[in-house]
Amino acid sequence: MTHPSALLDVRGLRKEFPSAAGPVVALEDITLSIPKGSIHGIVGRSGAGKSTLIRCLTGLENPTNGQVVLDGTDLTSLTGAELRAARRRFGMVFQHANILDSRTAAANIALPLEIAGWSKGAREARVAELLELVGLTDRADNHPAQLSGGQQQRVGIARALAPRPDILLCDEPTSALDAGTTRQILGLLRDLRDRLGITVVIITHEPSVVREVCDAVTLLGDGALVETGAIADVVADPSTQLHRDLIPLPPLPLDDEAAHVQVALGQAEATATSVDQVLELLRGDGVPAEVTAATLETIGGRRVGRIQLEIGDPTRVDTAVRILDAAHLAPEVTA
């Protein structure tokens, strides 16, 4: 179904590759809508189909079936000059900046404009604008060897933005960066969306990236769409894999002799919204409980979390589950 404000619609996308043993299905029935001006995360493990999906979105691969509709135009129906023009509506940012060592930051940013035939004056004006936009005005004449990893990625982002694309496709843009630099780059992407109104699609295997910056998220698994939705909705639904991926519990060893129950905070129907309230529910009914691990944060404007509880009396686990279930906390016995 087409979203009324969608810039990019993927409809029933299927991609097969031939092999000696018969067709290999890389993507199966992928359908999603990405609204204009949004930041959409596409997550999945290695082999989930993320790279194939990127190539189909940008017209580098022609899908076996289905459509990729950009602003009303079906890219799968285009060829030749029309397809090349449509591809220019995508800007690509890669895991490694892939900028040329022999060129300065400014000259790297100018490269796609040279290829597109912009005049020298127009190139220089656009490059100056982009250097300011990504915070590198004082680094214009530096070569890549003189730039940090984060600065190189900023050059890569500026280069992708140079021809004024409609969609910025970011393929693992922070995987090679440390935590502090990752936050800076994600903050830059959010700022660019806010200032330019550009649509951003981030392909990543890191749920932390999605939590930090995305408005919506799609989970791929074995070439199929597992889940998709607004961040605020998926984190509020503890039955989803995305909920668990986006709100992971700290990895703590469990006592084999203890009974543990996990609960989820943040659902609209829940009658307990904090750790203290959860413990009060149990202790008020005489169930001894302690918190052994917890993750609490605000995602998509919603306060959400997961709590792991140790039930002091193993014979009261069923009672604890009944109490927690009545409070709409999605209890799950884990040991």
C-alpha atoms as a PDB file:
ATOM      1  CA  MET A   1       0.000   0.000   0.000  1.00  0.00           C
ATOM      2  CA  THR A   2       1.342   3.425  -0.950  1.00  0.00           C
ATOM      3  CA  HIS A   3       1.870   5.954   1.840  1.00  0.00           C
ATOM      4  CA  PRO A   4       0.229   9.256   0.805  1.00  0.00           C
ATOM      5  CA  SER A   5       3.331  11.302   1.653  1.00  0.00           C
ATOM      6  CA  ALA A   6       5.914   8.692   0.644  1.00  0.00           C
ATOM      7  CA  LEU A   7       8.884   9.795  -1.410  1.00  0.00           C
ATOM      8  CA  LEU A   8      10.053   6.209  -1.925  1.00  0.00           C
ATOM      9  CA  ASP A   9       7.725   3.219  -2.238  1.00  0.00           C
ATOM     10  CA  VAL A  10       8.954  -0.348  -2.545  1.00  0.00           C
ATOM     11  CA  ARG A  11       6.198  -2.674  -3.714  1.00  0.00           C
ATOM     12  CA  GLY A  12       6.417  -6.466  -3.672  1.00  0.00           C
ATOM     13  CA  LEU A  13      10.122  -6.459  -4.463  1.00  0.00           C
ATOM     14  CA  ARG A  14      11.655  -9.835  -5.331  1.00  0.00           C
ATOM     15  CA  LYS A  15      15.197 -10.475  -6.521  1.00  0.00           C
ATOM     16  CA  GLU A  16      16.534 -13.798  -7.737  1.00  0.00           C
ATOM     17  CA  PHE A  17      20.052 -14.659  -8.835  1.00  0.00           C
ATOM     18  CA  PRO A  18      20.746 -17.649 -11.098  1.00  0.00           C
ATOM     19  CA  SER A  19      22.920 -20.498  -9.874  1.00  0.00           C
ATOM     20  CA  ALA A  20      23.820 -23.992 -11.005  1.00  0.00           C
ATOM     21  CA  ALA A  21      21.409 -25.401  -8.451  1.00  0.00           C
ATOM     22  CA  GLY A  22      18.574 -23.111  -9.514  1.00  0.00           C
ATOM     23  CA  PRO A  23      17.471 -19.546  -8.660  1.00  0.00           C
ATOM     24  CA  VAL A  24      18.671 -18.109  -5.347  1.00  0.00           C
ATOM     25  CA  VAL A  25      16.141 -15.716  -3.784  1.00  0.00           C
ATOM     26  CA  ALA A  26      17.946 -12.709  -2.255  1.00  0.00           C
ATOM     27  CA  LEU A  27      14.822 -10.605  -1.599  1.00  0.00           C
ATOM     28  CA  GLU A  28      11.233 -11.810  -1.243  1.00  0.00           C
ATOM     29  CA  ASP A  29       8.128  -9.588  -1.245  1.00  0.00           C
ATOM     30  CA  ILE A  30       9.705  -6.435   0.241  1.00  0.00           C
ATOM     31  CA  THR A  31       7.074  -3.713   0.644  1.00  0.00           C
ATOM     32  CA  LEU A  32       7.717  -0.471   2.524  1.00  0.00           C
ATOM     33  CA  SER A  33       7.115   3.284   2.287  1.00  0.00           C
ATOM     34  CA  ILE A  34       9.583   5.993   3.245  1.00  0.00           C
ATOM     35  CA  PRO A  35       8.037   9.459   3.730  1.00  0.00           C
ATOM     36  CA  LYS A  36       9.766  12.579   2.466  1.00  0.00           C
ATOM     37  CA  GLY A  37      11.982  14.194   5.088  1.00  0.00           C
ATOM     38  CA  SER A  38      12.179  11.113   7.316  1.00  0.00           C
ATOM     39  CA  ILE A  39      15.161   9.111   8.564  1.00  0.00           C
ATOM     40  CA  HIS A  40      14.512   5.415   7.976  1.00  0.00           C
ATOM     41  CA  GLY A  41      16.733   2.653   9.301  1.00  0.00           C
ATOM     42  CA  ILE A  42      17.076  -0.704   7.559  1.00  0.00           C
ATOM     43  CA  VAL A  43      18.636  -3.268   9.884  1.00  0.00           C
ATOM     44  CA  GLY A  44      19.621  -6.881   9.538  1.00  0.00           C
ATOM     45  CA  ARG A  45      22.506  -9.246  10.027  1.00  0.00           C
ATOM     46  CA  SER A  46      25.037 -10.120   7.353  1.00  0.00           C
ATOM     47  CA  GLY A  47      23.256 -11.927   4.527  1.00  0.00           C
ATOM     48  CA  ALA A  48      19.859 -10.439   5.353  1.00  0.00           C
ATOM     49  CA  GLY A  49      19.610  -8.770   1.939  1.00  0.00           C
ATOM     50  CA  LYS A  50      20.532  -5.172   2.817  1.00  0.00           C
ATOM     51  CA  SER A  51      23.143  -4.734   0.052  1.00  0.00           C
ATOM     52  CA  THR A  52      20.874  -6.264  -2.600  1.00  0.00           C
ATOM     53  CA  LEU A  53      18.066  -3.955  -1.504  1.00  0.00           C
ATOM     54  CA  ILE A  54      20.338  -0.892  -1.905  1.00  0.00           C
ATOM     55  CA  ARG A  55      21.293  -1.974  -5.407  1.00  0.00           C
ATOM     56  CA  CYS A  56      17.632  -2.452  -6.335  1.00  0.00           C
ATOM     57  CA  LEU A  57      16.661   0.936  -4.868  1.00  0.00           C
ATOM     58  CA  THR A  58      19.298   2.731  -6.910  1.00  0.00           C
ATOM     59  CA  GLY A  59      18.699   0.835 -10.139  1.00  0.00           C
ATOM     60  CA  LEU A  60      22.046  -0.966 -10.086  1.00  0.00           C
ATOM     61  CA  GLU A  61      20.107  -4.230  -9.972  1.00  0.00           C
ATOM     62  CA  ASN A  62      16.829  -4.791 -11.765  1.00  0.00           C
ATOM     63  CA  PRO A  63      14.423  -6.690  -9.500  1.00  0.00           C
ATOM     64  CA  THR A  64      12.894  -9.943 -10.713  1.00  0.00           C
ATOM     65  CA  ASN A  65       9.455  -8.681  -9.694  1.00  0.00           C
ATOM     66  CA  GLY A  66       8.023  -5.635  -7.984  1.00  0.00           C
ATOM     67  CA  GLN A  67       8.491  -1.895  -8.199  1.00  0.00           C
ATOM     68  CA  VAL A  68      10.696   0.837  -6.760  1.00  0.00           C
ATOM     69  CA  VAL A  69       8.695   4.055  -7.034  1.00  0.00           C
ATOM     70  CA  LEU A  70      10.513   7.336  -6.436  1.00  0.00           C
ATOM     71  CA  ASP A  71       8.256  10.367  -6.216  1.00  0.00           C
ATOM     72  CA  GLY A  72       5.698   8.725  -8.508  1.00  0.00           C
ATOM     73  CA  THR A  73       8.167   7.284 -11.040  1.00  0.00           C
ATOM     74  CA  ASP A  74       8.744   3.525 -11.243  1.00  0.00           C
ATOM     75  CA  LEU A  75      12.525   3.219 -11.519  1.00  0.00           C
ATOM     76  CA  THR A  76      12.249  -0.404 -12.671  1.00  0.00           C
ATOM     77  CA  SER A  77      10.619   0.800 -15.896  1.00  0.00           C
ATOM     78  CA  LEU A  78      13.469   3.186 -16.807  1.00  0.00           C
ATOM     79  CA  THR A  79      16.487   2.563 -19.026  1.00  0.00           C
ATOM     80  CA  GLY A  80      19.371   4.529 -20.486  1.00  0.00           C
ATOM     81  CA  ALA A  81      19.490   8.272 -19.868  1.00  0.00           C
ATOM     82  CA  GLU A  82      16.258   8.266 -17.849  1.00  0.00           C
ATOM     83  CA  LEU A  83      17.630   5.664 -15.435  1.00  0.00           C
ATOM     84  CA  ARG A  84      20.955   7.536 -15.093  1.00  0.00           C
ATOM     85  CA  ALA A  85      19.062  10.734 -14.297  1.00  0.00           C
ATOM     86  CA  ALA A  86      16.957   8.909 -11.679  1.00  0.00           C
ATOM     87  CA  ARG A  87      20.084   7.475 -10.033  1.00  0.00           C
ATOM     88  CA  ARG A  88      21.368  11.010  -9.504  1.00  0.00           C
ATOM     89  CA  ARG A  89      18.466  11.569  -7.145  1.00  0.00           C
ATOM     90  CA  PHE A  90      20.272   9.278  -4.685  1.00  0.00           C
ATOM     91  CA  GLY A  91      23.391  10.342  -2.809  1.00  0.00           C
ATOM     92  CA  MET A  92      25.539   7.492  -1.437  1.00  0.00           C
ATOM     93  CA  VAL A  93      27.534   7.486   1.820  1.00  0.00           C
ATOM     94  CA  PHE A  94      29.654   4.406   2.495  1.00  0.00           C
ATOM     95  CA  GLN A  95      31.192   2.695   5.543  1.00  0.00           C
ATOM     96  CA  HIS A  96      34.590   4.029   4.504  1.00  0.00           C
ATOM     97  CA  ALA A  97      34.521   7.516   3.025  1.00  0.00           C
ATOM     98  CA  ASN A  98      36.215   6.324  -0.213  1.00  0.00           C
ATOM     99  CA  ILE A  99      37.634   9.759  -0.893  1.00  0.00           C
ATOM    100  CA  LEU A 100      40.644  10.227  -3.172  1.00  0.00           C
ATOM    101  CA  ASP A 101      43.999  10.600  -1.404  1.00  0.00           C
ATOM    102  CA  SER A 102      45.339  12.829  -4.176  1.00  0.00           C
ATOM    103  CA  ARG A 103      42.573  15.403  -3.767  1.00  0.00           C
ATOM    104  CA  THR A 104      41.890  17.926  -1.025  1.00  0.00           C
ATOM    105  CA  ALA A 105      38.627  17.872   0.906  1.00  0.00           C
ATOM    106  CA  ALA A 106      37.219  20.585  -1.345  1.00  0.00           C
ATOM    107  CA  ALA A 107      38.341  18.826  -4.529  1.00  0.00           C
ATOM    108  CA  ASN A 108      36.803  15.541  -3.373  1.00  0.00           C
ATOM    109  CA  ILE A 109      33.475  17.252  -2.752  1.00  0.00           C
ATOM    110  CA  ALA A 110      33.671  18.925  -6.172  1.00  0.00           C
ATOM    111  CA  LEU A 111      34.269  15.643  -8.042  1.00  0.00           C
ATOM    112  CA  PRO A 112      30.627  14.716  -8.811  1.00  0.00           C
ATOM    113  CA  LEU A 113      29.983  18.297  -9.906  1.00  0.00           C
ATOM    114  CA  GLU A 114      32.898  18.123 -12.336  1.00  0.00           C
ATOM    115  CA  ILE A 115      31.504  14.882 -13.758  1.00  0.00           C
ATOM    116  CA  ALA A 116      28.069  16.509 -14.086  1.00  0.00           C
ATOM    117  CA  GLY A 117      29.589  19.424 -15.997  1.00  0.00           C
ATOM    118  CA  TRP A 118      29.100  22.257 -13.510  1.00  0.00           C
ATOM    119  CA  SER A 119      31.061  25.437 -14.232  1.00  0.00           C
ATOM    120  CA  LYS A 120      34.073  26.259 -12.063  1.00  0.00           C
ATOM    121  CA  GLY A 121      32.304  29.154 -10.385  1.00  0.00           C
ATOM    122  CA  ALA A 122      29.201  27.116  -9.603  1.00  0.00           C
ATOM    123  CA  ARG A 123      31.352  24.266  -8.251  1.00  0.00           C
ATOM    124  CA  GLU A 124      33.331  26.549  -5.965  1.00  0.00           C
ATOM    125  CA  ALA A 125      30.178  28.162  -4.581  1.00  0.00           C
ATOM    126  CA  ARG A 126      28.521  24.800  -3.943  1.00  0.00           C
ATOM    127  CA  VAL A 127      31.639  23.304  -2.319  1.00  0.00           C
ATOM    128  CA  ALA A 128      31.978  26.306   0.016  1.00  0.00           C
ATOM    129  CA  GLU A 129      28.333  25.887   1.006  1.00  0.00           C
ATOM    130  CA  LEU A 130      28.801  22.181   1.692  1.00  0.00           C
ATOM    131  CA  LEU A 131      32.010  22.629   3.691  1.00  0.00           C
ATOM    132  CA  GLU A 132      30.147  25.018   5.971  1.00  0.00           C
ATOM    133  CA  LEU A 133      27.199  22.619   6.187  1.00  0.00           C
ATOM    134  CA  VAL A 134      29.356  19.718   7.439  1.00  0.00           C
ATOM    135  CA  GLY A 135      31.605  21.866   9.636  1.00  0.00           C
ATOM    136  CA  LEU A 136      34.811  21.598   7.606  1.00  0.00           C
ATOM    137  CA  THR A 137      35.333  25.140   6.288  1.00  0.00           C
ATOM    138  CA  ASP A 138      38.801  25.274   7.871  1.00  0.00           C
ATOM    139  CA  ARG A 139      39.757  21.906   6.335  1.00  0.00           C
ATOM    140  CA  ALA A 140      39.051  22.702   2.677  1.00  0.00           C
ATOM    141  CA  ASP A 141      42.703  22.377   1.587  1.00  0.00           C
ATOM    142  CA  ASN A 142      43.540  19.320   3.686  1.00  0.00           C
ATOM    143  CA  HIS A 143      44.166  15.955   2.048  1.00  0.00           C
ATOM    144  CA  PRO A 144      42.572  12.795   3.527  1.00  0.00           C
ATOM    145  CA  ALA A 145      45.791  11.857   5.371  1.00  0.00           C
ATOM    146  CA  GLN A 146      45.432  15.108   7.327  1.00  0.00           C
ATOM    147  CA  LEU A 147      41.845  14.357   8.367  1.00  0.00           C
ATOM    148  CA  SER A 148      40.451  12.163  11.126  1.00  0.00           C
ATOM    149  CA  GLY A 149      38.085   9.301  10.320  1.00  0.00           C
ATOM    150  CA  GLY A 150      35.098  11.413  11.293  1.00  0.00           C
ATOM    151  CA  GLN A 151      36.282  14.323   9.170  1.00  0.00           C
ATOM    152  CA  GLN A 152      36.773  12.017   6.192  1.00  0.00           C
ATOM    153  CA  GLN A 153      33.221  10.756   6.624  1.00  0.00           C
ATOM    154  CA  ARG A 154      31.998  14.369   6.663  1.00  0.00           C
ATOM    155  CA  VAL A 155      33.755  14.895   3.335  1.00  0.00           C
ATOM    156  CA  GLY A 156      32.012  11.774   2.022  1.00  0.00           C
ATOM    157  CA  ILE A 157      28.631  13.093   3.195  1.00  0.00           C
ATOM    158  CA  ALA A 158      29.270  16.504   1.613  1.00  0.00           C
ATOM    159  CA  ARG A 159      30.292  14.831  -1.664  1.00  0.00           C
ATOM    160  CA  ALA A 160      27.080  12.774  -1.651  1.00  0.00           C
ATOM    161  CA  LEU A 161      25.036  15.939  -1.095  1.00  0.00           C
ATOM    162  CA  ALA A 162      26.825  17.957  -3.798  1.00  0.00           C
ATOM    163  CA  PRO A 163      24.391  17.287  -6.698  1.00  0.00           C
ATOM    164  CA  ARG A 164      21.402  18.000  -4.413  1.00  0.00           C
ATOM    165  CA  PRO A 165      19.911  14.489  -4.271  1.00  0.00           C
ATOM    166  CA  ASP A 166      16.432  13.765  -2.883  1.00  0.00           C
ATOM    167  CA  ILE A 167      17.557  10.762  -0.819  1.00  0.00           C
ATOM    168  CA  LEU A 168      20.787  10.221   1.090  1.00  0.00           C
ATOM    169  CA  LEU A 169      21.508   6.478   1.234  1.00  0.00           C
ATOM    170  CA  CYS A 170      23.977   5.670   4.005  1.00  0.00           C
ATOM    171  CA  ASP A 171      25.481   2.173   3.954  1.00  0.00           C
ATOM    172  CA  GLU A 172      26.934   1.373   7.409  1.00  0.00           C
ATOM    173  CA  PRO A 173      28.070   5.021   7.746  1.00  0.00           C
ATOM    174  CA  THR A 174      29.425   4.692  11.302  1.00  0.00           C
ATOM    175  CA  SER A 175      30.717   1.102  11.461  1.00  0.00           C
ATOM    176  CA  ALA A 176      34.347   2.222  11.138  1.00  0.00           C
ATOM    177  CA  LEU A 177      34.057   5.011  13.727  1.00  0.00           C
ATOM    178  CA  ASP A 178      34.424   5.135  17.501  1.00  0.00           C
ATOM    179  CA  ALA A 179      31.417   5.817  19.735  1.00  0.00           C
ATOM    180  CA  GLY A 180      32.010   9.546  20.134  1.00  0.00           C
ATOM    181  CA  THR A 181      32.535  10.138  16.418  1.00  0.00           C
ATOM    182  CA  THR A 182      29.509   7.960  15.629  1.00  0.00           C
ATOM    183  CA  ARG A 183      27.293  10.245  17.732  1.00  0.00           C
ATOM    184  CA  GLN A 184      28.689  13.284  15.922  1.00  0.00           C
ATOM    185  CA  ILE A 185      28.036  11.821  12.464  1.00  0.00           C
ATOM    186  CA  LEU A 186      24.512  10.730  13.394  1.00  0.00           C
ATOM    187  CA  GLY A 187      23.874  14.197  14.816  1.00  0.00           C
ATOM    188  CA  LEU A 188      25.097  15.675  11.531  1.00  0.00           C
ATOM    189  CA  LEU A 189      22.719  13.460   9.523  1.00  0.00           C
ATOM    190  CA  ARG A 190      19.804  14.537  11.716  1.00  0.00           C
ATOM    191  CA  ASP A 191      20.825  18.197  11.354  1.00  0.00           C
ATOM    192  CA  LEU A 192      21.062  17.865   7.568  1.00  0.00           C
ATOM    193  CA  ARG A 193      17.589  16.352   7.453  1.00  0.00           C
ATOM    194  CA  ASP A 194      16.233  19.221   9.554  1.00  0.00           C
ATOM    195  CA  ARG A 195      18.010  21.951   7.572  1.00  0.00           C
ATOM    196  CA  LEU A 196      17.645  20.581   4.056  1.00  0.00           C
ATOM    197  CA  GLY A 197      14.482  18.483   4.328  1.00  0.00           C
ATOM    198  CA  ILE A 198      16.359  15.615   2.708  1.00  0.00           C
ATOM    199  CA  THR A 199      15.201  12.022   3.168  1.00  0.00           C
ATOM    200  CA  VAL A 200      17.807   9.751   4.789  1.00  0.00           C
ATOM    201  CA  VAL A 201      17.957   5.944   4.608  1.00  0.00           C
ATOM    202  CA  ILE A 202      20.512   4.312   6.909  1.00  0.00           C
ATOM    203  CA  ILE A 203      21.479   0.688   6.292  1.00  0.00           C
ATOM    204  CA  THR A 204      23.107  -0.752   9.401  1.00  0.00           C
ATOM    205  CA  HIS A 205      23.559  -3.840  11.541  1.00  0.00           C
ATOM    206  CA  GLU A 206      23.791  -1.666  14.677  1.00  0.00           C
ATOM    207  CA  PRO A 207      20.510  -1.163  16.603  1.00  0.00           C
ATOM    208  CA  SER A 208      22.166   1.696  18.535  1.00  0.00           C
ATOM    209  CA  VAL A 209      22.296   3.729  15.305  1.00  0.00           C
ATOM    210  CA  VAL A 210      18.564   3.249  14.806  1.00  0.00           C
ATOM    211  CA  ARG A 211      17.797   4.228  18.417  1.00  0.00           C
ATOM    212  CA  GLU A 212      19.866   7.374  18.107  1.00  0.00           C
ATOM    213  CA  VAL A 213      18.547   8.952  14.939  1.00  0.00           C
ATOM    214  CA  CYS A 214      15.796   7.105  13.033  1.00  0.00           C
ATOM    215  CA  ASP A 215      12.093   7.930  12.824  1.00  0.00           C
ATOM    216  CA  ALA A 216      11.159   4.490  11.495  1.00  0.00           C
ATOM    217  CA  VAL A 217      12.853   1.134  11.054  1.00  0.00           C
ATOM    218  CA  THR A 218      12.629  -1.977   8.888  1.00  0.00           C
ATOM    219  CA  LEU A 219      14.088  -5.326   9.945  1.00  0.00           C
ATOM    220  CA  LEU A 220      15.263  -7.691   7.195  1.00  0.00           C
ATOM    221  CA  GLY A 221      15.951 -11.371   7.778  1.00  0.00           C
ATOM    222  CA  ASP A 222      16.994 -13.913   5.141  1.00  0.00           C
ATOM    223  CA  GLY A 223      15.843 -11.591   2.372  1.00  0.00           C
ATOM    224  CA  ALA A 224      12.369 -11.053   3.810  1.00  0.00           C
ATOM    225  CA  LEU A 225      10.777  -8.144   5.625  1.00  0.00           C
ATOM    226  CA  VAL A 226      10.380  -9.247   9.249  1.00  0.00           C
ATOM    227  CA  GLU A 227       8.990  -6.055  10.792  1.00  0.00           C
ATOM    228  CA  THR A 228       8.629  -2.397   9.899  1.00  0.00           C
ATOM    229  CA  GLY A 229       7.158   0.624  11.640  1.00  0.00           C
ATOM    230  CA  ALA A 230       7.678   3.901  13.442  1.00  0.00           C
ATOM    231  CA  ILE A 231      10.299   3.702  16.191  1.00  0.00           C
ATOM    232  CA  ALA A 232       7.812   4.751  18.863  1.00  0.00           C
ATOM    233  CA  ASP A 233       5.493   1.908  17.834  1.00  0.00           C
ATOM    234  CA  VAL A 234       8.000  -0.938  17.581  1.00  0.00           C
ATOM    235  CA  VAL A 235       9.690  -0.170  20.905  1.00  0.00           C
ATOM    236  CA  ALA A 236       6.289  -0.160  22.600  1.00  0.00           C
ATOM    237  CA  ASP A 237       5.484  -3.668  21.359  1.00  0.00           C
ATOM    238  CA  PRO A 238       7.464  -6.224  23.395  1.00  0.00           C
ATOM    239  CA  SER A 239       6.358  -9.073  21.131  1.00  0.00           C
ATOM    240  CA  THR A 240       8.589  -7.857  18.290  1.00  0.00           C
ATOM    241  CA  GLN A 241      12.197  -8.736  17.551  1.00  0.00           C
ATOM    242  CA  LEU A 242      12.905  -5.039  16.957  1.00  0.00           C
ATOM    243  CA  HIS A 243      11.793  -4.275  20.511  1.00  0.00           C
ATOM    244  CA  ARG A 244      14.385  -6.717  21.844  1.00  0.00           C
ATOM    245  CA  ASP A 245      17.076  -5.496  19.460  1.00  0.00           C
ATOM    246  CA  LEU A 246      16.496  -1.827  20.261  1.00  0.00           C
ATOM    247  CA  ILE A 247      16.154  -2.285  24.031  1.00  0.00           C
ATOM    248  CA  PRO A 248      18.664  -4.986  24.943  1.00  0.00           C
ATOM    249  CA  LEU A 249      19.296  -6.003  28.533  1.00  0.00           C
ATOM    250  CA  PRO A 250      22.874  -5.730  29.790  1.00  0.00           C
ATOM    251  CA  PRO A 251      24.614  -9.105  29.328  1.00  0.00           C
ATOM    252  CA  LEU A 252      24.753 -10.462  32.863  1.00  0.00           C
ATOM    253  CA  PRO A 253      25.303 -14.116  33.851  1.00  0.00           C
ATOM    254  CA  LEU A 254      22.257 -15.751  35.388  1.00  0.00           C
ATOM    255  CA  ASP A 255      22.327 -17.744  38.593  1.00  0.00           C
ATOM    256  CA  ASP A 256      21.227 -21.218  37.513  1.00  0.00           C
ATOM    257  CA  GLU A 257      19.329 -21.736  40.774  1.00  0.00           C
ATOM    258  CA  ALA A 258      17.455 -18.426  40.607  1.00  0.00           C
ATOM    259  CA  ALA A 259      14.134 -17.742  38.871  1.00  0.00           C
ATOM    260  CA  HIS A 260      14.095 -14.760  36.536  1.00  0.00           C
ATOM    261  CA  VAL A 261      11.307 -12.886  34.799  1.00  0.00           C
ATOM    262  CA  GLN A 262      11.741 -10.162  32.195  1.00  0.00           C
ATOM    263  CA  VAL A 263       9.204  -7.351  31.768  1.00  0.00           C
ATOM    264  CA  ALA A 264       8.810  -4.514  29.268  1.00  0.00           C
ATOM    265  CA  LEU A 265       8.050  -0.897  30.154  1.00  0.00           C
ATOM    266  CA  GLY A 266       6.514   1.685  27.842  1.00  0.00           C
ATOM    267  CA  GLN A 267       3.266   0.099  26.628  1.00  0.00           C
ATOM    268  CA  ALA A 268       0.281   2.409  26.576  1.00  0.00           C
ATOM    269  CA  GLU A 269      -1.891   0.039  28.681  1.00  0.00           C
ATOM    270  CA  ALA A 270       0.721  -0.599  31.399  1.00  0.00           C
ATOM    271  CA  THR A 271      -0.234   0.358  34.958  1.00  0.00           C
ATOM    272  CA  ALA A 272       3.400   0.434  36.107  1.00  0.00           C
ATOM    273  CA  THR A 273       5.812   2.801  34.377  1.00  0.00           C
ATOM    274  CA  SER A 274       8.944   2.624  36.535  1.00  0.00           C
ATOM    275  CA  VAL A 275      11.184   0.054  38.188  1.00  0.00           C
ATOM    276  CA  ASP A 276       9.939   1.060  41.632  1.00  0.00           C
ATOM    277  CA  GLN A 277       6.296   0.611  40.615  1.00  0.00           C
ATOM    278  CA  VAL A 278       7.030  -2.848  39.186  1.00  0.00           C
ATOM    279  CA  LEU A 279       8.686  -3.935  42.450  1.00  0.00           C
ATOM    280  CA  GLU A 280       5.807  -2.465  44.484  1.00  0.00           C
ATOM    281  CA  LEU A 281       3.305  -4.531  42.475  1.00  0.00           C
ATOM    282  CA  LEU A 282       5.113  -7.742  43.348  1.00  0.00           C
ATOM    283  CA  ARG A 283       6.049  -6.977  46.935  1.00  0.00           C
ATOM    284  CA  GLY A 284       2.533  -5.740  47.640  1.00  0.00           C
ATOM    285  CA  ASP A 285       1.391  -9.295  46.935  1.00  0.00           C
ATOM    286  CA  GLY A 286       4.178 -10.845  48.985  1.00  0.00           C
ATOM    287  CA  VAL A 287       6.392 -11.820  46.032  1.00  0.00           C
ATOM    288  CA  PRO A 288      10.093 -11.152  46.826  1.00  0.00           C
ATOM    289  CA  ALA A 289      11.839  -9.613  43.814  1.00  0.00           C
ATOM    290  CA  GLU A 290      15.057  -7.792  42.975  1.00  0.00           C
ATOM    291  CA  VAL A 291      16.274  -6.133  39.780  1.00  0.00           C
ATOM    292  CA  THR A 292      19.303  -7.906  38.269  1.00  0.00           C
ATOM    293  CA  ALA A 293      19.461  -5.935  34.999  1.00  0.00           C
ATOM    294  CA  ALA A 294      17.608  -3.042  33.381  1.00  0.00           C
ATOM    295  CA  THR A 295      17.676  -0.880  30.269  1.00  0.00           C
ATOM    296  CA  LEU A 296      15.650   2.339  30.427  1.00  0.00           C
ATOM    297  CA  GLU A 297      15.729   5.122  27.853  1.00  0.00           C
ATOM    298  CA  THR A 298      13.667   7.475  25.712  1.00  0.00           C
ATOM    299  CA  ILE A 299      13.288   6.313  22.101  1.00  0.00           C
ATOM    300  CA  GLY A 300      11.099   8.075  19.561  1.00  0.00           C
ATOM    301  CA  GLY A 301       9.776  10.337  22.308  1.00  0.00           C
ATOM    302  CA  ARG A 302       8.581   7.376  24.405  1.00  0.00           C
ATOM    303  CA  ARG A 303      10.048   6.220  27.732  1.00  0.00           C
ATOM    304  CA  VAL A 304      10.681   2.498  27.303  1.00  0.00           C
ATOM    305  CA  GLY A 305      12.740  -0.240  28.887  1.00  0.00           C
ATOM    306  CA  ARG A 306      13.294  -3.860  29.792  1.00  0.00           C
ATOM    307  CA  ILE A 307      13.805  -5.145  33.331  1.00  0.00           C
ATOM    308  CA  GLN A 308      15.115  -8.494  34.474  1.00  0.00           C
ATOM    309  CA  LEU A 309      13.781  -9.510  37.873  1.00  0.00           C
ATOM    310  CA  GLU A 310      15.021 -12.250  40.185  1.00  0.00           C
ATOM    311  CA  ILE A 311      12.131 -13.835  42.053  1.00  0.00           C
ATOM    312  CA  GLY A 312      13.423 -14.735  45.524  1.00  0.00           C
ATOM    313  CA  ASP A 313      10.964 -17.583  46.024  1.00  0.00           C
ATOM    314  CA  PRO A 314      10.874 -19.888  42.941  1.00  0.00           C
ATOM    315  CA  THR A 315       7.449 -21.190  44.026  1.00  0.00           C
ATOM    316  CA  ARG A 316       6.010 -17.690  43.488  1.00  0.00           C
ATOM    317  CA  VAL A 317       7.058 -17.317  39.846  1.00  0.00           C
ATOM    318  CA  ASP A 318       3.588 -18.147  38.522  1.00  0.00           C
ATOM    319  CA  THR A 319       2.094 -15.573  40.878  1.00  0.00           C
ATOM    320  CA  ALA A 320       4.629 -12.982  39.718  1.00  0.00           C
ATOM    321  CA  VAL A 321       3.775 -13.660  36.072  1.00  0.00           C
ATOM    322  CA  ARG A 322       0.044 -13.322  36.798  1.00  0.00           C
ATOM    323  CA  ILE A 323       0.547  -9.968  38.565  1.00  0.00           C
ATOM    324  CA  LEU A 324       2.844  -8.599  35.877  1.00  0.00           C
ATOM    325  CA  ASP A 325       0.596  -9.786  33.060  1.00  0.00           C
ATOM    326  CA  ALA A 326      -2.406  -8.073  34.648  1.00  0.00           C
ATOM    327  CA  ALA A 327      -0.346  -4.861  34.653  1.00  0.00           C
ATOM    328  CA  HIS A 328       0.332  -5.254  30.897  1.00  0.00           C
ATOM    329  CA  LEU A 329       4.080  -5.638  31.402  1.00  0.00           C
ATOM    330  CA  ALA A 330       4.538  -8.614  29.015  1.00  0.00           C
ATOM    331  CA  PRO A 331       6.294 -10.906  31.523  1.00  0.00           C
ATOM    332  CA  GLU A 332       8.529 -13.669  30.248  1.00  0.00           C
ATOM    333  CA  VAL A 333      10.175 -16.342  32.413  1.00  0.00           C
ATOM    334  CA  THR A 334      13.858 -16.567  31.393  1.00  0.00           C
ATOM    335  CA  ALA A 335      15.253 -18.996  33.991  1.00  0.00           C
END
